[in-house]
Amino acid sequence: MSKEELEHLKILNRELEHDLRRLRELESAVSGHTSSISGLPHIGVLQDNVSLYISIIDELKQIIMERVLESILEYAKLNAFINEIDDPLLRQILLSRYVDGLQWDQIAARIGGDNTAGSVRKIAERYLKTLPQGTAEKT
């Protein structure tokens, strides 16, 4: 598994958060609570286009469901890969980084002991360089 494959879940979840934020904005606009939707021009005549926005909402909900399913599958794949690693410290580092999406300093704090951001990053980097695909560059 490459670094890019490990980071795919984090990217999917970021996209999902963005889509959910956009969905809340659209639903709020349709309900009359706001007329501002990021990425769209100011909506001054929303009532004339409610059916259009409801259609966009339905399409966005479908996209969100597809991303949720993709995220679940990616999570399962990533979890299975990491759980096959013998070293419990390495497992904890990789889970914290690629499943929980933590920064290196947060991972070091979570693990505790004498671990620093640099040391946990190096542990992960050394392991990723041993993977057969060899595409794991600097994390």
N, C-alpha and C. Protein backbone atom coordinates (compact mmCIF):
# COMPACT_ATOMS: atom_id res chain seq x y z
N MET A 1 0.86 -1.18 0.00
CA MET A 1 0.00 0.00 0.00
C MET A 1 0.90 1.23 0.00
N SER A 2 0.59 2.18 -0.83
CA SER A 2 1.40 3.40 -0.93
C SER A 2 0.90 4.47 0.03
N LYS A 3 1.72 5.48 0.20
CA LYS A 3 1.33 6.63 1.04
C LYS A 3 0.05 7.27 0.49
N GLU A 4 -0.03 7.37 -0.83
CA GLU A 4 -1.22 7.95 -1.46
C GLU A 4 -2.46 7.14 -1.13
N GLU A 5 -2.34 5.82 -1.13
CA GLU A 5 -3.48 4.97 -0.78
C GLU A 5 -3.84 5.14 0.70
N LEU A 6 -2.82 5.28 1.54
CA LEU A 6 -3.07 5.50 2.96
C LEU A 6 -3.80 6.82 3.20
N GLU A 7 -3.47 7.84 2.43
CA GLU A 7 -4.06 9.17 2.62
C GLU A 7 -5.42 9.32 1.94
N HIS A 8 -5.83 8.34 1.15
CA HIS A 8 -7.09 8.44 0.41
C HIS A 8 -8.30 8.62 1.33
N LEU A 9 -8.32 7.92 2.45
CA LEU A 9 -9.45 8.05 3.39
C LEU A 9 -9.55 9.47 3.92
N LYS A 10 -8.41 10.06 4.27
CA LYS A 10 -8.40 11.43 4.78
C LYS A 10 -8.96 12.40 3.73
N ILE A 11 -8.57 12.21 2.50
CA ILE A 11 -9.05 13.07 1.41
C ILE A 11 -10.55 12.88 1.20
N LEU A 12 -11.00 11.63 1.19
CA LEU A 12 -12.43 11.35 1.05
C LEU A 12 -13.24 12.02 2.16
N ASN A 13 -12.76 11.92 3.38
CA ASN A 13 -13.48 12.51 4.51
C ASN A 13 -13.51 14.02 4.43
N ARG A 14 -12.44 14.62 3.93
CA ARG A 14 -12.42 16.07 3.73
C ARG A 14 -13.47 16.48 2.69
N GLU A 15 -13.54 15.73 1.59
CA GLU A 15 -14.56 16.01 0.57
C GLU A 15 -15.96 15.85 1.14
N LEU A 16 -16.14 14.84 1.96
CA LEU A 16 -17.44 14.59 2.57
C LEU A 16 -17.85 15.74 3.49
N GLU A 17 -16.91 16.24 4.28
CA GLU A 17 -17.20 17.40 5.14
C GLU A 17 -17.61 18.61 4.31
N HIS A 18 -16.92 18.83 3.21
CA HIS A 18 -17.24 19.95 2.31
C HIS A 18 -18.64 19.79 1.74
N ASP A 19 -18.97 18.59 1.28
CA ASP A 19 -20.30 18.33 0.72
C ASP A 19 -21.39 18.51 1.77
N LEU A 20 -21.15 18.06 2.99
CA LEU A 20 -22.14 18.21 4.05
C LEU A 20 -22.35 19.68 4.40
N ARG A 21 -21.28 20.45 4.41
CA ARG A 21 -21.39 21.89 4.67
C ARG A 21 -22.22 22.56 3.57
N ARG A 22 -21.96 22.20 2.32
CA ARG A 22 -22.72 22.75 1.19
C ARG A 22 -24.19 22.35 1.27
N LEU A 23 -24.47 21.11 1.67
CA LEU A 23 -25.84 20.64 1.82
C LEU A 23 -26.58 21.46 2.88
N ARG A 24 -25.92 21.70 4.02
CA ARG A 24 -26.55 22.52 5.07
C ARG A 24 -26.85 23.93 4.56
N GLU A 25 -25.94 24.50 3.79
CA GLU A 25 -26.15 25.84 3.23
C GLU A 25 -27.36 25.85 2.28
N LEU A 26 -27.43 24.85 1.41
CA LEU A 26 -28.55 24.78 0.46
C LEU A 26 -29.88 24.58 1.19
N GLU A 27 -29.90 23.68 2.16
CA GLU A 27 -31.14 23.44 2.90
C GLU A 27 -31.55 24.67 3.70
N SER A 28 -30.59 25.37 4.23
CA SER A 28 -30.88 26.60 4.96
C SER A 28 -31.43 27.68 4.03
N ALA A 29 -30.87 27.76 2.84
CA ALA A 29 -31.35 28.74 1.86
C ALA A 29 -32.78 28.44 1.43
N VAL A 30 -33.08 27.17 1.19
CA VAL A 30 -34.43 26.78 0.76
C VAL A 30 -35.44 27.04 1.86
N SER A 31 -35.03 26.83 3.12
CA SER A 31 -35.96 27.05 4.22
C SER A 31 -36.12 28.53 4.57
N GLY A 32 -35.32 29.38 3.91
CA GLY A 32 -35.45 30.82 4.13
C GLY A 32 -34.58 31.37 5.24
N HIS A 33 -33.71 30.54 5.82
CA HIS A 33 -32.86 31.00 6.91
C HIS A 33 -31.65 31.79 6.43
N THR A 34 -31.25 31.60 5.19
CA THR A 34 -30.14 32.35 4.63
C THR A 34 -30.30 32.42 3.12
N SER A 35 -29.65 33.37 2.51
CA SER A 35 -29.67 33.45 1.06
C SER A 35 -28.26 33.40 0.51
N SER A 36 -27.32 33.02 1.36
CA SER A 36 -25.92 32.98 0.95
C SER A 36 -25.44 31.54 0.91
N ILE A 37 -24.96 31.12 -0.26
CA ILE A 37 -24.42 29.79 -0.43
C ILE A 37 -23.04 29.94 -1.04
N SER A 38 -22.03 29.45 -0.33
CA SER A 38 -20.67 29.60 -0.86
C SER A 38 -20.56 28.88 -2.20
N GLY A 39 -19.88 29.53 -3.12
CA GLY A 39 -19.71 28.97 -4.45
C GLY A 39 -20.81 29.35 -5.42
N LEU A 40 -21.85 29.96 -4.92
CA LEU A 40 -22.96 30.40 -5.78
C LEU A 40 -23.15 31.90 -5.60
N PRO A 41 -23.71 32.57 -6.62
CA PRO A 41 -23.98 33.99 -6.45
C PRO A 41 -25.04 34.21 -5.37
N HIS A 42 -25.08 35.43 -4.82
CA HIS A 42 -26.07 35.76 -3.80
C HIS A 42 -27.46 35.46 -4.34
N ILE A 43 -28.26 34.75 -3.55
CA ILE A 43 -29.59 34.33 -3.99
C ILE A 43 -30.61 35.34 -3.49
N GLY A 44 -31.03 36.22 -4.39
CA GLY A 44 -32.02 37.22 -4.01
C GLY A 44 -33.42 36.79 -4.35
N VAL A 45 -33.58 35.93 -5.33
CA VAL A 45 -34.90 35.50 -5.78
C VAL A 45 -35.05 33.99 -5.63
N LEU A 46 -34.76 33.51 -4.44
CA LEU A 46 -34.77 32.09 -4.17
C LEU A 46 -36.14 31.46 -4.41
N GLN A 47 -37.20 32.14 -4.05
CA GLN A 47 -38.53 31.55 -4.17
C GLN A 47 -38.84 31.12 -5.60
N ASP A 48 -38.30 31.81 -6.59
CA ASP A 48 -38.55 31.46 -7.98
C ASP A 48 -37.79 30.20 -8.39
N ASN A 49 -36.80 29.82 -7.63
CA ASN A 49 -35.94 28.70 -8.01
C ASN A 49 -35.91 27.58 -6.98
N VAL A 50 -36.90 27.49 -6.11
CA VAL A 50 -36.89 26.49 -5.05
C VAL A 50 -36.79 25.09 -5.63
N SER A 51 -37.54 24.79 -6.68
CA SER A 51 -37.49 23.44 -7.25
C SER A 51 -36.10 23.12 -7.81
N LEU A 52 -35.42 24.11 -8.35
CA LEU A 52 -34.05 23.92 -8.85
C LEU A 52 -33.13 23.58 -7.68
N TYR A 53 -33.24 24.31 -6.58
CA TYR A 53 -32.38 24.06 -5.43
C TYR A 53 -32.70 22.72 -4.77
N ILE A 54 -33.96 22.33 -4.77
CA ILE A 54 -34.32 21.02 -4.23
C ILE A 54 -33.71 19.92 -5.09
N SER A 55 -33.69 20.12 -6.38
CA SER A 55 -33.05 19.17 -7.28
C SER A 55 -31.55 19.08 -7.01
N ILE A 56 -30.91 20.22 -6.80
CA ILE A 56 -29.48 20.25 -6.48
C ILE A 56 -29.23 19.55 -5.14
N ILE A 57 -30.11 19.78 -4.17
CA ILE A 57 -30.00 19.12 -2.86
C ILE A 57 -30.08 17.61 -3.01
N ASP A 58 -31.06 17.14 -3.80
CA ASP A 58 -31.21 15.70 -4.00
C ASP A 58 -29.96 15.10 -4.65
N GLU A 59 -29.41 15.79 -5.63
CA GLU A 59 -28.20 15.32 -6.30
C GLU A 59 -27.02 15.29 -5.32
N LEU A 60 -26.90 16.32 -4.50
CA LEU A 60 -25.82 16.38 -3.52
C LEU A 60 -25.96 15.28 -2.48
N LYS A 61 -27.19 14.97 -2.07
CA LYS A 61 -27.42 13.88 -1.12
C LYS A 61 -26.96 12.55 -1.71
N GLN A 62 -27.20 12.35 -2.99
CA GLN A 62 -26.75 11.12 -3.65
C GLN A 62 -25.22 11.05 -3.68
N ILE A 63 -24.58 12.16 -3.98
CA ILE A 63 -23.11 12.22 -3.98
C ILE A 63 -22.58 11.92 -2.59
N ILE A 64 -23.21 12.49 -1.58
CA ILE A 64 -22.78 12.26 -0.20
C ILE A 64 -22.91 10.78 0.16
N MET A 65 -23.99 10.15 -0.21
CA MET A 65 -24.17 8.73 0.09
C MET A 65 -23.09 7.89 -0.59
N GLU A 66 -22.76 8.21 -1.84
CA GLU A 66 -21.72 7.49 -2.55
C GLU A 66 -20.37 7.68 -1.87
N ARG A 67 -20.10 8.90 -1.41
CA ARG A 67 -18.82 9.16 -0.73
C ARG A 67 -18.77 8.46 0.63
N VAL A 68 -19.90 8.40 1.32
CA VAL A 68 -19.94 7.70 2.60
C VAL A 68 -19.62 6.22 2.38
N LEU A 69 -20.23 5.62 1.38
CA LEU A 69 -19.97 4.20 1.09
C LEU A 69 -18.51 3.99 0.69
N GLU A 70 -17.97 4.87 -0.13
CA GLU A 70 -16.56 4.77 -0.53
C GLU A 70 -15.65 4.93 0.69
N SER A 71 -16.00 5.85 1.57
CA SER A 71 -15.22 6.07 2.78
C SER A 71 -15.25 4.84 3.68
N ILE A 72 -16.39 4.20 3.81
CA ILE A 72 -16.51 3.00 4.64
C ILE A 72 -15.64 1.88 4.07
N LEU A 73 -15.68 1.70 2.76
CA LEU A 73 -14.87 0.67 2.13
C LEU A 73 -13.38 0.98 2.28
N GLU A 74 -13.02 2.23 2.11
CA GLU A 74 -11.62 2.64 2.26
C GLU A 74 -11.16 2.45 3.70
N TYR A 75 -12.01 2.79 4.65
CA TYR A 75 -11.70 2.60 6.07
C TYR A 75 -11.43 1.13 6.36
N ALA A 76 -12.29 0.25 5.85
CA ALA A 76 -12.14 -1.19 6.09
C ALA A 76 -10.82 -1.69 5.49
N LYS A 77 -10.51 -1.25 4.28
CA LYS A 77 -9.27 -1.66 3.62
C LYS A 77 -8.05 -1.17 4.39
N LEU A 78 -8.08 0.08 4.80
CA LEU A 78 -6.97 0.68 5.54
C LEU A 78 -6.80 0.03 6.90
N ASN A 79 -7.89 -0.19 7.58
CA ASN A 79 -7.86 -0.84 8.89
C ASN A 79 -7.29 -2.25 8.79
N ALA A 80 -7.71 -3.00 7.78
CA ALA A 80 -7.20 -4.36 7.60
C ALA A 80 -5.70 -4.34 7.35
N PHE A 81 -5.24 -3.42 6.52
CA PHE A 81 -3.81 -3.31 6.23
C PHE A 81 -3.02 -3.00 7.51
N ILE A 82 -3.46 -1.99 8.24
CA ILE A 82 -2.74 -1.56 9.44
C ILE A 82 -2.77 -2.65 10.52
N ASN A 83 -3.89 -3.34 10.66
CA ASN A 83 -4.00 -4.37 11.69
C ASN A 83 -3.13 -5.59 11.42
N GLU A 84 -2.64 -5.75 10.20
CA GLU A 84 -1.72 -6.85 9.89
C GLU A 84 -0.28 -6.54 10.31
N ILE A 85 0.00 -5.32 10.71
CA ILE A 85 1.34 -4.92 11.13
C ILE A 85 1.59 -5.46 12.54
N ASP A 86 2.74 -6.10 12.74
CA ASP A 86 3.07 -6.72 14.03
C ASP A 86 3.37 -5.70 15.13
N ASP A 87 4.02 -4.62 14.79
CA ASP A 87 4.49 -3.64 15.77
C ASP A 87 3.34 -2.77 16.28
N PRO A 88 2.97 -2.87 17.57
CA PRO A 88 1.83 -2.10 18.09
C PRO A 88 2.06 -0.58 18.04
N LEU A 89 3.30 -0.13 18.24
CA LEU A 89 3.59 1.30 18.17
C LEU A 89 3.37 1.81 16.75
N LEU A 90 3.85 1.08 15.78
CA LEU A 90 3.67 1.46 14.38
C LEU A 90 2.19 1.46 14.01
N ARG A 91 1.46 0.45 14.47
CA ARG A 91 0.01 0.41 14.20
C ARG A 91 -0.67 1.66 14.76
N GLN A 92 -0.31 2.00 15.99
CA GLN A 92 -0.92 3.17 16.63
C GLN A 92 -0.58 4.45 15.86
N ILE A 93 0.66 4.57 15.41
CA ILE A 93 1.07 5.75 14.64
C ILE A 93 0.29 5.84 13.34
N LEU A 94 0.23 4.73 12.60
CA LEU A 94 -0.45 4.75 11.30
C LEU A 94 -1.96 4.96 11.44
N LEU A 95 -2.56 4.34 12.46
CA LEU A 95 -3.99 4.56 12.69
C LEU A 95 -4.26 6.02 13.04
N SER A 96 -3.42 6.59 13.90
CA SER A 96 -3.60 7.98 14.30
C SER A 96 -3.45 8.92 13.11
N ARG A 97 -2.49 8.63 12.24
CA ARG A 97 -2.21 9.52 11.10
C ARG A 97 -3.23 9.35 9.98
N TYR A 98 -3.45 8.11 9.54
CA TYR A 98 -4.21 7.89 8.32
C TYR A 98 -5.69 7.57 8.54
N VAL A 99 -6.06 7.13 9.73
CA VAL A 99 -7.48 6.90 10.01
C VAL A 99 -8.05 8.09 10.77
N ASP A 100 -7.35 8.52 11.83
CA ASP A 100 -7.85 9.63 12.63
C ASP A 100 -7.48 11.00 12.06
N GLY A 101 -6.50 11.03 11.14
CA GLY A 101 -6.12 12.28 10.48
C GLY A 101 -5.37 13.26 11.36
N LEU A 102 -4.66 12.75 12.38
CA LEU A 102 -3.94 13.63 13.30
C LEU A 102 -2.62 14.11 12.69
N GLN A 103 -2.16 15.25 13.18
CA GLN A 103 -0.85 15.78 12.81
C GLN A 103 0.20 15.04 13.64
N TRP A 104 1.46 15.12 13.20
CA TRP A 104 2.53 14.39 13.88
C TRP A 104 2.66 14.78 15.35
N ASP A 105 2.54 16.06 15.67
CA ASP A 105 2.67 16.47 17.07
C ASP A 105 1.51 15.92 17.91
N GLN A 106 0.33 15.82 17.32
CA GLN A 106 -0.81 15.25 18.03
C GLN A 106 -0.62 13.75 18.28
N ILE A 107 -0.02 13.10 17.28
CA ILE A 107 0.25 11.66 17.42
C ILE A 107 1.25 11.42 18.54
N ALA A 108 2.32 12.22 18.55
CA ALA A 108 3.34 12.08 19.60
C ALA A 108 2.73 12.30 20.97
N ALA A 109 1.85 13.30 21.09
CA ALA A 109 1.19 13.56 22.37
C ALA A 109 0.28 12.41 22.77
N ARG A 110 -0.42 11.84 21.81
CA ARG A 110 -1.32 10.72 22.08
C ARG A 110 -0.54 9.50 22.55
N ILE A 111 0.58 9.22 21.91
CA ILE A 111 1.38 8.05 22.25
C ILE A 111 2.10 8.24 23.58
N GLY A 112 2.61 9.47 23.78
CA GLY A 112 3.28 9.77 25.04
C GLY A 112 4.71 9.28 25.08
N GLY A 113 5.23 9.14 26.27
CA GLY A 113 6.63 8.73 26.43
C GLY A 113 7.56 9.81 25.93
N ASP A 114 8.69 9.39 25.41
CA ASP A 114 9.67 10.34 24.88
C ASP A 114 9.46 10.59 23.39
N ASN A 115 8.34 10.20 22.85
CA ASN A 115 8.10 10.37 21.42
C ASN A 115 7.87 11.83 21.07
N THR A 116 8.48 12.24 19.97
CA THR A 116 8.29 13.59 19.45
C THR A 116 7.61 13.49 18.10
N ALA A 117 7.18 14.62 17.58
CA ALA A 117 6.58 14.64 16.24
C ALA A 117 7.55 14.06 15.23
N GLY A 118 8.81 14.45 15.34
CA GLY A 118 9.82 13.95 14.41
C GLY A 118 10.06 12.46 14.52
N SER A 119 10.05 11.96 15.75
CA SER A 119 10.33 10.52 15.92
C SER A 119 9.19 9.65 15.38
N VAL A 120 7.95 10.04 15.63
CA VAL A 120 6.84 9.23 15.11
C VAL A 120 6.76 9.33 13.59
N ARG A 121 7.07 10.50 13.05
CA ARG A 121 7.10 10.66 11.59
C ARG A 121 8.15 9.76 10.98
N LYS A 122 9.33 9.72 11.59
CA LYS A 122 10.42 8.88 11.08
C LYS A 122 10.06 7.40 11.15
N ILE A 123 9.42 6.98 12.23
CA ILE A 123 9.00 5.58 12.35
C ILE A 123 8.08 5.23 11.19
N ALA A 124 7.12 6.10 10.92
CA ALA A 124 6.18 5.86 9.82
C ALA A 124 6.91 5.88 8.47
N GLU A 125 7.78 6.85 8.26
CA GLU A 125 8.51 6.96 7.00
C GLU A 125 9.35 5.72 6.73
N ARG A 126 10.08 5.26 7.75
CA ARG A 126 10.92 4.07 7.59
C ARG A 126 10.07 2.87 7.18
N TYR A 127 8.93 2.71 7.82
CA TYR A 127 8.07 1.58 7.48
C TYR A 127 7.53 1.72 6.06
N LEU A 128 7.05 2.90 5.70
CA LEU A 128 6.46 3.09 4.38
C LEU A 128 7.47 2.85 3.26
N LYS A 129 8.74 3.12 3.53
CA LYS A 129 9.79 2.87 2.53
C LYS A 129 10.03 1.39 2.31
N THR A 130 9.62 0.55 3.26
CA THR A 130 9.82 -0.89 3.11
C THR A 130 8.71 -1.55 2.31
N LEU A 131 7.64 -0.83 2.03
CA LEU A 131 6.51 -1.42 1.32
C LEU A 131 6.91 -1.72 -0.12
N PRO A 132 6.40 -2.80 -0.67
CA PRO A 132 6.79 -3.24 -2.01
C PRO A 132 6.63 -2.19 -3.11
N GLN A 133 5.58 -1.38 -3.06
CA GLN A 133 5.34 -0.41 -4.12
C GLN A 133 6.37 0.72 -4.09
N GLY A 134 6.96 0.97 -2.93
CA GLY A 134 8.02 1.95 -2.82
C GLY A 134 7.63 3.37 -3.18
N THR A 135 6.33 3.67 -3.20
CA THR A 135 5.90 5.01 -3.56
C THR A 135 5.69 5.90 -2.35
N ALA A 136 6.03 5.40 -1.19
CA ALA A 136 5.81 6.17 0.03
C ALA A 136 6.96 7.14 0.25
N GLU A 137 6.77 8.34 -0.28
CA GLU A 137 7.77 9.37 -0.07
C GLU A 137 7.54 10.02 1.27
N LYS A 138 8.16 11.17 1.48
CA LYS A 138 8.06 11.88 2.77
C LYS A 138 6.62 12.12 3.13
N THR A 139 6.22 11.71 4.33
CA THR A 139 4.86 11.88 4.81
C THR A 139 4.81 13.22 5.42
